[in-house]
Amino acid sequence: MKPKDVIALNDEELQTELDRLRRHVFDLRAQSVTEKLESPAMLMHAKRDIARLLTEKRKREQARTAGAAN
């Protein structure tokens, strides 16, 4: 997922995607334990996507807080 795609999501879609990716990481870890993971890089990419989503979520929260303080 590219950063511009993350920015385009609304808050509800952002949370839905975050939940989906967390479930995906869980599944990838299970595959890793059973040695059925196709590529170890898949886990790394999923974690980075989660970090992107969390970063955008935090930016939005800070913007709301700053807007409410004014």
C-alpha atoms as a PDB file:
ATOM      1  CA  MET A   1       0.000   0.000   0.000  1.00  0.00           C
ATOM      2  CA  LYS A   2       1.407   3.340  -1.025  1.00  0.00           C
ATOM      3  CA  PRO A   3       1.282   6.418   1.212  1.00  0.00           C
ATOM      4  CA  LYS A   4      -0.998   8.284  -1.190  1.00  0.00           C
ATOM      5  CA  ASP A   5      -3.451   5.367  -1.011  1.00  0.00           C
ATOM      6  CA  VAL A   6      -3.446   5.568   2.783  1.00  0.00           C
ATOM      7  CA  ILE A   7      -4.112   9.312   2.733  1.00  0.00           C
ATOM      8  CA  ALA A   8      -7.074   8.785   0.396  1.00  0.00           C
ATOM      9  CA  LEU A   9      -8.850   6.505   2.894  1.00  0.00           C
ATOM     10  CA  ASN A  10     -11.455   7.935   5.243  1.00  0.00           C
ATOM     11  CA  ASP A  11     -11.294   7.168   8.972  1.00  0.00           C
ATOM     12  CA  GLU A  12     -13.612   4.169   8.825  1.00  0.00           C
ATOM     13  CA  GLU A  13     -11.790   2.618   5.863  1.00  0.00           C
ATOM     14  CA  LEU A  14      -8.488   3.261   7.609  1.00  0.00           C
ATOM     15  CA  GLN A  15      -9.598   1.310  10.682  1.00  0.00           C
ATOM     16  CA  THR A  16     -11.034  -1.503   8.550  1.00  0.00           C
ATOM     17  CA  GLU A  17      -7.792  -1.816   6.597  1.00  0.00           C
ATOM     18  CA  LEU A  18      -5.786  -1.763   9.822  1.00  0.00           C
ATOM     19  CA  ASP A  19      -7.869  -4.617  11.250  1.00  0.00           C
ATOM     20  CA  ARG A  20      -7.517  -6.573   8.011  1.00  0.00           C
ATOM     21  CA  LEU A  21      -3.744  -6.162   7.951  1.00  0.00           C
ATOM     22  CA  ARG A  22      -3.359  -7.158  11.590  1.00  0.00           C
ATOM     23  CA  ARG A  23      -5.283 -10.354  10.838  1.00  0.00           C
ATOM     24  CA  HIS A  24      -3.079 -10.878   7.766  1.00  0.00           C
ATOM     25  CA  VAL A  25       0.103 -10.550   9.878  1.00  0.00           C
ATOM     26  CA  PHE A  26      -1.331 -13.083  12.323  1.00  0.00           C
ATOM     27  CA  ASP A  27      -1.965 -15.506   9.442  1.00  0.00           C
ATOM     28  CA  LEU A  28       1.518 -14.914   8.030  1.00  0.00           C
ATOM     29  CA  ARG A  29       3.087 -15.655  11.410  1.00  0.00           C
ATOM     30  CA  ALA A  30       1.126 -18.891  11.602  1.00  0.00           C
ATOM     31  CA  GLN A  31       2.378 -19.822   8.142  1.00  0.00           C
ATOM     32  CA  SER A  32       5.909 -18.952   9.206  1.00  0.00           C
ATOM     33  CA  VAL A  33       5.739 -21.299  12.182  1.00  0.00           C
ATOM     34  CA  THR A  34       4.462 -24.153  10.037  1.00  0.00           C
ATOM     35  CA  GLU A  35       7.078 -23.327   7.390  1.00  0.00           C
ATOM     36  CA  LYS A  36       4.466 -22.733   4.699  1.00  0.00           C
ATOM     37  CA  LEU A  37       5.245 -19.049   4.207  1.00  0.00           C
ATOM     38  CA  GLU A  38       5.991 -18.397   0.542  1.00  0.00           C
ATOM     39  CA  SER A  39       8.161 -15.363   1.114  1.00  0.00           C
ATOM     40  CA  PRO A  40       9.467 -13.907   4.387  1.00  0.00           C
ATOM     41  CA  ALA A  41       9.257 -10.475   2.779  1.00  0.00           C
ATOM     42  CA  MET A  42       5.454 -10.690   2.875  1.00  0.00           C
ATOM     43  CA  LEU A  43       5.543 -10.334   6.661  1.00  0.00           C
ATOM     44  CA  MET A  44       7.840  -7.326   6.439  1.00  0.00           C
ATOM     45  CA  HIS A  45       5.604  -5.594   3.882  1.00  0.00           C
ATOM     46  CA  ALA A  46       2.480  -6.189   5.940  1.00  0.00           C
ATOM     47  CA  LYS A  47       4.143  -4.710   9.032  1.00  0.00           C
ATOM     48  CA  ARG A  48       5.229  -1.645   7.061  1.00  0.00           C
ATOM     49  CA  ASP A  49       1.685  -1.153   5.777  1.00  0.00           C
ATOM     50  CA  ILE A  50       0.409  -1.298   9.351  1.00  0.00           C
ATOM     51  CA  ALA A  51       2.979   1.326  10.342  1.00  0.00           C
ATOM     52  CA  ARG A  52       1.842   3.573   7.481  1.00  0.00           C
ATOM     53  CA  LEU A  53      -1.778   3.258   8.557  1.00  0.00           C
ATOM     54  CA  LEU A  54      -0.966   3.960  12.204  1.00  0.00           C
ATOM     55  CA  THR A  55       1.127   6.981  11.226  1.00  0.00           C
ATOM     56  CA  GLU A  56      -1.719   8.443   9.181  1.00  0.00           C
ATOM     57  CA  LYS A  57      -4.208   7.719  11.961  1.00  0.00           C
ATOM     58  CA  ARG A  58      -2.000   9.535  14.474  1.00  0.00           C
ATOM     59  CA  LYS A  59      -1.557  12.525  12.138  1.00  0.00           C
ATOM     60  CA  ARG A  60      -5.323  12.842  11.840  1.00  0.00           C
ATOM     61  CA  GLU A  61      -5.778  12.646  15.612  1.00  0.00           C
ATOM     62  CA  GLN A  62      -3.182  15.377  16.118  1.00  0.00           C
ATOM     63  CA  ALA A  63      -4.834  17.558  13.475  1.00  0.00           C
ATOM     64  CA  ARG A  64      -8.198  17.169  15.214  1.00  0.00           C
ATOM     65  CA  THR A  65      -6.653  18.050  18.577  1.00  0.00           C
ATOM     66  CA  ALA A  66      -4.903  21.083  17.144  1.00  0.00           C
ATOM     67  CA  GLY A  67      -8.126  22.173  15.425  1.00  0.00           C
ATOM     68  CA  ALA A  68     -10.127  21.809  18.641  1.00  0.00           C
ATOM     69  CA  ALA A  69      -7.580  23.814  20.621  1.00  0.00           C
ATOM     70  CA  ASN A  70      -7.956  26.834  18.317  1.00  0.00           C
END
